[in-house]
Amino acid sequence: MAEKKLDYLEMNPGVYLIETSFGKVHGMKPGVSAYQDKDFEYVGRIHKGEVKFVVGADLSSEIPVRGDYDYGYTLEGPAQRLFTVEDALDKRNADENRTFCYIKPGSRLLFVGDGRKNYHLYVRCFPQGKDERGSRWLVLYAVEA
């Protein structure tokens, strides 16, 4: 299935995946997670290197936002093998099969999976409010599509 082309002059509010190493922007489809809260989904290929999640029609607000403490990513299940967070404090919880990655201003989320495969990504942003702008934490789950 072909990915819908983005119209950069009339962007819809929402969450976007940016492959910063490759310069590609992907819209993410809103959905409902297994936990019955809002999530955003993307299906397709991802190039190796840095990726970011941004929110807003101007793509200017990165999530999670950067702060002094308690900001970051949770990599759940297979996402722990597909992504890594550079320059972060990682705490693995084997019982829950997830890694908590506490970030600081210079931290970077990197895709380290196979760029030739398609993946199904699910992200949840916390805290959840009117929109995702200002979210302190991003939960990422990814599997091969």
N, C-alpha and C. Protein backbone atom coordinates (compact mmCIF):
# COMPACT_ATOMS: atom_id res chain seq x y z
N MET A 1 0.83 -1.17 0.00
CA MET A 1 0.00 0.00 0.00
C MET A 1 0.89 1.24 0.00
N ALA A 2 0.64 2.18 -0.89
CA ALA A 2 1.45 3.38 -1.02
C ALA A 2 1.12 4.36 0.10
N GLU A 3 2.14 5.01 0.58
CA GLU A 3 1.97 6.00 1.64
C GLU A 3 1.40 7.28 1.02
N LYS A 4 0.44 7.90 1.73
CA LYS A 4 -0.18 9.13 1.26
C LYS A 4 0.85 10.25 1.29
N LYS A 5 0.95 11.02 0.18
CA LYS A 5 1.88 12.14 0.11
C LYS A 5 1.41 13.26 1.03
N LEU A 6 2.37 13.89 1.70
CA LEU A 6 2.04 14.99 2.60
C LEU A 6 2.05 16.30 1.84
N ASP A 7 1.08 17.16 2.15
CA ASP A 7 1.03 18.50 1.60
C ASP A 7 1.61 19.43 2.67
N TYR A 8 2.86 19.84 2.50
CA TYR A 8 3.55 20.62 3.52
C TYR A 8 2.96 22.01 3.71
N LEU A 9 2.15 22.49 2.78
CA LEU A 9 1.52 23.80 2.93
C LEU A 9 0.25 23.72 3.77
N GLU A 10 -0.35 22.55 3.84
CA GLU A 10 -1.57 22.37 4.62
C GLU A 10 -1.47 21.09 5.45
N MET A 11 -0.58 21.11 6.43
CA MET A 11 -0.38 19.95 7.30
C MET A 11 -1.52 19.84 8.30
N ASN A 12 -1.97 18.64 8.55
CA ASN A 12 -2.98 18.40 9.57
C ASN A 12 -2.31 18.32 10.94
N PRO A 13 -3.00 18.76 11.98
CA PRO A 13 -2.44 18.54 13.32
C PRO A 13 -2.30 17.04 13.55
N GLY A 14 -1.34 16.63 14.32
CA GLY A 14 -1.14 15.22 14.60
C GLY A 14 0.31 14.93 14.90
N VAL A 15 0.64 13.65 14.95
CA VAL A 15 2.00 13.22 15.23
C VAL A 15 2.64 12.74 13.93
N TYR A 16 3.90 13.11 13.75
CA TYR A 16 4.65 12.75 12.55
C TYR A 16 5.97 12.11 12.95
N LEU A 17 6.39 11.13 12.17
CA LEU A 17 7.69 10.49 12.31
C LEU A 17 8.61 11.13 11.29
N ILE A 18 9.75 11.64 11.76
CA ILE A 18 10.73 12.24 10.85
C ILE A 18 12.00 11.41 10.87
N GLU A 19 12.41 10.95 9.70
CA GLU A 19 13.70 10.27 9.56
C GLU A 19 14.73 11.37 9.33
N THR A 20 15.30 11.90 10.40
CA THR A 20 16.19 13.06 10.25
C THR A 20 17.45 12.71 9.47
N SER A 21 17.90 11.47 9.53
CA SER A 21 19.09 11.07 8.80
C SER A 21 18.82 10.98 7.29
N PHE A 22 17.55 10.85 6.91
CA PHE A 22 17.20 10.68 5.51
C PHE A 22 16.36 11.84 4.96
N GLY A 23 15.76 12.64 5.85
CA GLY A 23 14.97 13.77 5.42
C GLY A 23 13.55 13.45 5.02
N LYS A 24 13.00 12.35 5.50
CA LYS A 24 11.65 11.92 5.14
C LYS A 24 10.70 12.13 6.31
N VAL A 25 9.49 12.63 6.03
CA VAL A 25 8.46 12.86 7.04
C VAL A 25 7.30 11.91 6.75
N HIS A 26 6.81 11.22 7.78
CA HIS A 26 5.69 10.29 7.65
C HIS A 26 4.57 10.71 8.59
N GLY A 27 3.37 10.85 8.07
CA GLY A 27 2.21 11.08 8.92
C GLY A 27 1.87 9.80 9.66
N MET A 28 1.39 9.95 10.89
CA MET A 28 1.00 8.79 11.69
C MET A 28 -0.51 8.82 11.89
N LYS A 29 -1.14 7.66 11.74
CA LYS A 29 -2.59 7.54 11.82
C LYS A 29 -3.02 7.42 13.28
N PRO A 30 -3.97 8.26 13.72
CA PRO A 30 -4.47 8.12 15.10
C PRO A 30 -5.24 6.82 15.26
N GLY A 31 -5.14 6.22 16.44
CA GLY A 31 -5.83 4.98 16.73
C GLY A 31 -6.06 4.84 18.22
N VAL A 32 -6.46 3.64 18.63
CA VAL A 32 -6.68 3.34 20.04
C VAL A 32 -5.82 2.15 20.40
N SER A 33 -5.04 2.29 21.47
CA SER A 33 -4.11 1.24 21.88
C SER A 33 -4.84 0.09 22.58
N ALA A 34 -4.11 -0.98 22.83
CA ALA A 34 -4.65 -2.11 23.59
C ALA A 34 -5.04 -1.71 25.00
N TYR A 35 -4.52 -0.57 25.47
CA TYR A 35 -4.82 -0.07 26.82
C TYR A 35 -5.98 0.92 26.79
N GLN A 36 -6.61 1.07 25.62
CA GLN A 36 -7.76 1.95 25.41
C GLN A 36 -7.44 3.44 25.54
N ASP A 37 -6.19 3.81 25.28
CA ASP A 37 -5.85 5.22 25.20
C ASP A 37 -5.42 5.53 23.77
N LYS A 38 -5.22 6.80 23.48
CA LYS A 38 -4.90 7.23 22.12
C LYS A 38 -3.48 6.80 21.75
N ASP A 39 -3.33 6.28 20.54
CA ASP A 39 -2.00 6.00 20.01
C ASP A 39 -1.93 6.50 18.57
N PHE A 40 -0.73 6.43 18.01
CA PHE A 40 -0.49 6.84 16.63
C PHE A 40 0.29 5.72 15.96
N GLU A 41 -0.06 5.43 14.70
CA GLU A 41 0.51 4.26 14.02
C GLU A 41 1.13 4.65 12.68
N TYR A 42 2.22 3.94 12.36
CA TYR A 42 2.87 4.08 11.06
C TYR A 42 3.25 2.70 10.59
N VAL A 43 3.02 2.42 9.30
CA VAL A 43 3.44 1.16 8.68
C VAL A 43 4.31 1.52 7.48
N GLY A 44 5.53 0.98 7.45
CA GLY A 44 6.41 1.21 6.32
C GLY A 44 7.86 1.01 6.69
N ARG A 45 8.72 1.41 5.78
CA ARG A 45 10.16 1.28 5.99
C ARG A 45 10.69 2.48 6.76
N ILE A 46 11.80 2.23 7.43
CA ILE A 46 12.49 3.30 8.16
C ILE A 46 13.97 3.16 7.85
N HIS A 47 14.61 4.25 7.54
CA HIS A 47 16.04 4.23 7.27
C HIS A 47 16.82 4.28 8.57
N LYS A 48 17.98 3.63 8.57
CA LYS A 48 18.84 3.64 9.75
C LYS A 48 19.25 5.07 10.09
N GLY A 49 19.38 5.31 11.38
CA GLY A 49 19.83 6.62 11.84
C GLY A 49 18.80 7.27 12.74
N GLU A 50 19.00 8.56 12.95
CA GLU A 50 18.16 9.30 13.89
C GLU A 50 16.74 9.47 13.37
N VAL A 51 15.78 9.28 14.28
CA VAL A 51 14.37 9.55 14.00
C VAL A 51 13.83 10.43 15.12
N LYS A 52 12.81 11.19 14.79
CA LYS A 52 12.14 12.04 15.77
C LYS A 52 10.64 11.93 15.60
N PHE A 53 9.94 12.18 16.67
CA PHE A 53 8.50 12.29 16.62
C PHE A 53 8.16 13.74 16.93
N VAL A 54 7.36 14.35 16.07
CA VAL A 54 6.98 15.75 16.25
C VAL A 54 5.47 15.86 16.17
N VAL A 55 4.97 16.97 16.69
CA VAL A 55 3.53 17.20 16.71
C VAL A 55 3.25 18.60 16.20
N GLY A 56 2.08 18.77 15.62
CA GLY A 56 1.66 20.09 15.18
C GLY A 56 1.77 20.27 13.69
N ALA A 57 0.96 21.17 13.17
CA ALA A 57 0.94 21.42 11.74
C ALA A 57 2.25 22.00 11.24
N ASP A 58 3.04 22.61 12.12
CA ASP A 58 4.32 23.19 11.69
C ASP A 58 5.50 22.26 11.96
N LEU A 59 5.24 21.08 12.50
CA LEU A 59 6.26 20.07 12.78
C LEU A 59 7.38 20.59 13.69
N SER A 60 7.07 21.54 14.56
CA SER A 60 8.11 22.19 15.34
C SER A 60 8.24 21.69 16.77
N SER A 61 7.28 20.95 17.28
CA SER A 61 7.31 20.51 18.68
C SER A 61 7.68 19.04 18.77
N GLU A 62 8.91 18.78 19.18
CA GLU A 62 9.39 17.40 19.32
C GLU A 62 8.78 16.78 20.57
N ILE A 63 8.45 15.50 20.46
CA ILE A 63 8.00 14.74 21.63
C ILE A 63 8.88 13.51 21.75
N PRO A 64 9.32 13.20 22.94
CA PRO A 64 9.06 13.94 24.17
C PRO A 64 9.85 15.25 24.21
N VAL A 65 9.30 16.21 24.97
CA VAL A 65 10.02 17.47 25.17
C VAL A 65 11.25 17.18 26.02
N ARG A 66 12.20 18.07 26.03
CA ARG A 66 13.42 17.89 26.82
C ARG A 66 13.26 18.64 28.14
N GLY A 67 13.73 18.04 29.21
CA GLY A 67 13.67 18.67 30.52
C GLY A 67 14.81 18.21 31.40
N ASP A 68 14.77 18.62 32.65
CA ASP A 68 15.85 18.30 33.58
C ASP A 68 15.82 16.85 34.05
N TYR A 69 14.64 16.27 34.22
CA TYR A 69 14.55 14.89 34.69
C TYR A 69 13.18 14.32 34.33
N ASP A 70 13.09 13.00 34.30
CA ASP A 70 11.85 12.28 34.06
C ASP A 70 11.20 12.61 32.71
N TYR A 71 12.02 12.62 31.67
CA TYR A 71 11.57 12.78 30.30
C TYR A 71 12.20 11.64 29.51
N GLY A 72 11.49 11.10 28.52
CA GLY A 72 12.15 10.08 27.72
C GLY A 72 11.24 9.17 26.93
N TYR A 73 11.78 7.97 26.69
CA TYR A 73 11.13 6.96 25.86
C TYR A 73 11.00 5.66 26.65
N THR A 74 9.94 4.92 26.37
CA THR A 74 9.84 3.53 26.78
C THR A 74 9.85 2.71 25.51
N LEU A 75 10.82 1.83 25.38
CA LEU A 75 10.89 0.91 24.24
C LEU A 75 10.30 -0.41 24.69
N GLU A 76 9.19 -0.81 24.09
CA GLU A 76 8.48 -2.01 24.51
C GLU A 76 8.70 -3.15 23.53
N GLY A 77 8.85 -4.35 24.08
CA GLY A 77 8.95 -5.56 23.27
C GLY A 77 10.03 -5.48 22.21
N PRO A 78 9.68 -5.82 20.94
CA PRO A 78 10.67 -5.82 19.86
C PRO A 78 11.31 -4.47 19.58
N ALA A 79 10.67 -3.37 20.00
CA ALA A 79 11.25 -2.04 19.77
C ALA A 79 12.62 -1.90 20.44
N GLN A 80 12.87 -2.70 21.47
CA GLN A 80 14.16 -2.66 22.17
C GLN A 80 15.31 -3.11 21.28
N ARG A 81 15.01 -3.94 20.27
CA ARG A 81 16.04 -4.39 19.33
C ARG A 81 16.13 -3.48 18.11
N LEU A 82 15.06 -2.74 17.83
CA LEU A 82 14.98 -1.92 16.62
C LEU A 82 15.41 -0.47 16.84
N PHE A 83 15.36 -0.02 18.08
CA PHE A 83 15.69 1.37 18.42
C PHE A 83 16.67 1.41 19.58
N THR A 84 17.44 2.46 19.63
CA THR A 84 18.31 2.72 20.78
C THR A 84 18.28 4.23 21.03
N VAL A 85 18.53 4.60 22.26
CA VAL A 85 18.58 6.02 22.59
C VAL A 85 20.01 6.34 23.01
N GLU A 86 20.64 7.19 22.21
CA GLU A 86 22.03 7.58 22.44
C GLU A 86 22.06 8.67 23.52
N ASP A 87 23.02 8.55 24.42
CA ASP A 87 23.23 9.53 25.48
C ASP A 87 22.02 9.62 26.42
N ALA A 88 21.57 8.47 26.90
CA ALA A 88 20.44 8.39 27.83
C ALA A 88 20.75 7.39 28.94
N LEU A 89 20.04 7.50 30.02
CA LEU A 89 20.13 6.53 31.11
C LEU A 89 19.06 5.48 30.85
N ASP A 90 19.48 4.24 30.56
CA ASP A 90 18.55 3.16 30.23
C ASP A 90 18.36 2.25 31.44
N LYS A 91 17.11 1.95 31.74
CA LYS A 91 16.76 1.03 32.81
C LYS A 91 15.84 -0.03 32.24
N ARG A 92 16.35 -1.27 32.16
CA ARG A 92 15.60 -2.38 31.59
C ARG A 92 14.75 -3.04 32.66
N ASN A 93 13.49 -3.33 32.32
CA ASN A 93 12.59 -4.07 33.19
C ASN A 93 12.26 -5.37 32.46
N ALA A 94 12.99 -6.43 32.81
CA ALA A 94 12.83 -7.72 32.12
C ALA A 94 11.45 -8.32 32.35
N ASP A 95 10.88 -8.13 33.54
CA ASP A 95 9.55 -8.68 33.83
C ASP A 95 8.48 -8.11 32.91
N GLU A 96 8.60 -6.84 32.57
CA GLU A 96 7.62 -6.18 31.70
C GLU A 96 8.08 -6.12 30.25
N ASN A 97 9.29 -6.60 29.95
CA ASN A 97 9.86 -6.61 28.61
C ASN A 97 9.88 -5.21 27.99
N ARG A 98 10.46 -4.27 28.76
CA ARG A 98 10.57 -2.89 28.27
C ARG A 98 11.80 -2.22 28.86
N THR A 99 12.25 -1.18 28.16
CA THR A 99 13.40 -0.39 28.62
C THR A 99 12.96 1.06 28.72
N PHE A 100 13.22 1.64 29.88
CA PHE A 100 12.94 3.06 30.11
C PHE A 100 14.22 3.83 29.81
N CYS A 101 14.13 4.79 28.91
CA CYS A 101 15.29 5.57 28.47
C CYS A 101 15.09 7.02 28.90
N TYR A 102 15.80 7.43 29.96
CA TYR A 102 15.70 8.79 30.49
C TYR A 102 16.65 9.68 29.69
N ILE A 103 16.08 10.69 29.04
CA ILE A 103 16.87 11.51 28.11
C ILE A 103 17.31 12.82 28.75
N LYS A 104 18.27 13.44 28.08
CA LYS A 104 18.71 14.79 28.41
C LYS A 104 18.74 15.58 27.10
N PRO A 105 19.07 16.86 27.12
CA PRO A 105 18.97 17.65 25.89
C PRO A 105 19.72 17.09 24.67
N GLY A 106 20.84 16.42 24.84
CA GLY A 106 21.60 15.91 23.70
C GLY A 106 21.26 14.50 23.27
N SER A 107 20.28 13.86 23.89
CA SER A 107 19.92 12.47 23.56
C SER A 107 19.29 12.39 22.17
N ARG A 108 19.51 11.23 21.51
CA ARG A 108 18.95 11.00 20.17
C ARG A 108 18.36 9.61 20.08
N LEU A 109 17.18 9.49 19.46
CA LEU A 109 16.55 8.21 19.20
C LEU A 109 17.04 7.73 17.84
N LEU A 110 17.60 6.51 17.81
CA LEU A 110 18.16 5.96 16.57
C LEU A 110 17.44 4.67 16.19
N PHE A 111 17.11 4.56 14.90
CA PHE A 111 16.59 3.30 14.37
C PHE A 111 17.79 2.45 13.97
N VAL A 112 17.86 1.23 14.49
CA VAL A 112 18.99 0.34 14.20
C VAL A 112 18.53 -0.97 13.57
N GLY A 113 17.24 -1.03 13.19
CA GLY A 113 16.69 -2.23 12.57
C GLY A 113 17.09 -2.34 11.10
N ASP A 114 16.44 -3.25 10.39
CA ASP A 114 16.72 -3.51 8.99
C ASP A 114 15.93 -2.53 8.11
N GLY A 115 16.60 -1.65 7.42
CA GLY A 115 15.96 -0.66 6.58
C GLY A 115 15.27 -1.22 5.35
N ARG A 116 15.44 -2.51 5.08
CA ARG A 116 14.79 -3.13 3.92
C ARG A 116 13.43 -3.73 4.28
N LYS A 117 13.11 -3.77 5.56
CA LYS A 117 11.86 -4.38 6.00
C LYS A 117 10.83 -3.30 6.34
N ASN A 118 9.56 -3.70 6.28
CA ASN A 118 8.48 -2.83 6.72
C ASN A 118 8.19 -3.11 8.19
N TYR A 119 7.87 -2.06 8.90
CA TYR A 119 7.57 -2.17 10.33
C TYR A 119 6.24 -1.49 10.62
N HIS A 120 5.61 -1.97 11.68
CA HIS A 120 4.39 -1.35 12.20
C HIS A 120 4.76 -0.73 13.53
N LEU A 121 4.74 0.61 13.59
CA LEU A 121 5.08 1.35 14.80
C LEU A 121 3.81 1.85 15.47
N TYR A 122 3.80 1.76 16.78
CA TYR A 122 2.73 2.33 17.59
C TYR A 122 3.40 3.23 18.63
N VAL A 123 2.92 4.47 18.76
CA VAL A 123 3.45 5.35 19.80
C VAL A 123 2.30 5.91 20.63
N ARG A 124 2.57 6.05 21.93
CA ARG A 124 1.65 6.69 22.86
C ARG A 124 2.41 7.80 23.56
N CYS A 125 1.78 8.95 23.74
CA CYS A 125 2.42 10.11 24.31
C CYS A 125 1.80 10.41 25.68
N PHE A 126 2.64 10.76 26.65
CA PHE A 126 2.15 11.05 28.00
C PHE A 126 2.78 12.34 28.50
N PRO A 127 2.11 13.19 29.24
CA PRO A 127 0.69 13.00 29.57
C PRO A 127 -0.17 13.29 28.35
N GLN A 128 -1.35 12.70 28.34
CA GLN A 128 -2.27 12.93 27.24
C GLN A 128 -3.18 14.09 27.61
N GLY A 129 -3.35 14.99 26.70
CA GLY A 129 -4.22 16.14 26.92
C GLY A 129 -4.95 16.46 25.65
N LYS A 130 -5.19 17.73 25.45
CA LYS A 130 -5.90 18.18 24.25
C LYS A 130 -5.15 17.77 22.99
N ASP A 131 -3.83 17.93 23.01
CA ASP A 131 -2.99 17.39 21.94
C ASP A 131 -1.68 16.90 22.58
N GLU A 132 -0.79 16.38 21.78
CA GLU A 132 0.41 15.75 22.31
C GLU A 132 1.54 16.73 22.58
N ARG A 133 1.36 17.98 22.21
CA ARG A 133 2.38 19.01 22.42
C ARG A 133 2.70 19.07 23.93
N GLY A 134 3.97 19.06 24.27
CA GLY A 134 4.37 19.13 25.67
C GLY A 134 4.46 17.78 26.36
N SER A 135 4.27 16.68 25.63
CA SER A 135 4.36 15.35 26.25
C SER A 135 5.77 15.08 26.74
N ARG A 136 5.88 14.60 27.97
CA ARG A 136 7.17 14.32 28.61
C ARG A 136 7.70 12.93 28.26
N TRP A 137 6.83 12.04 27.84
CA TRP A 137 7.24 10.65 27.65
C TRP A 137 6.58 10.09 26.40
N LEU A 138 7.32 9.26 25.65
CA LEU A 138 6.80 8.60 24.46
C LEU A 138 7.05 7.11 24.60
N VAL A 139 6.00 6.31 24.48
CA VAL A 139 6.09 4.85 24.52
C VAL A 139 6.07 4.36 23.07
N LEU A 140 7.05 3.53 22.72
CA LEU A 140 7.21 3.06 21.35
C LEU A 140 7.19 1.53 21.32
N TYR A 141 6.29 1.00 20.51
CA TYR A 141 6.21 -0.44 20.26
C TYR A 141 6.33 -0.62 18.76
N ALA A 142 7.12 -1.58 18.32
CA ALA A 142 7.31 -1.80 16.88
C ALA A 142 7.48 -3.28 16.60
N VAL A 143 6.89 -3.74 15.51
CA VAL A 143 7.02 -5.12 15.05
C VAL A 143 7.18 -5.11 13.54
N GLU A 144 7.71 -6.19 12.99
CA GLU A 144 7.75 -6.31 11.53
C GLU A 144 6.33 -6.39 11.01
N ALA A 145 6.09 -5.70 9.90
CA ALA A 145 4.74 -5.69 9.31
C ALA A 145 4.54 -6.89 8.41
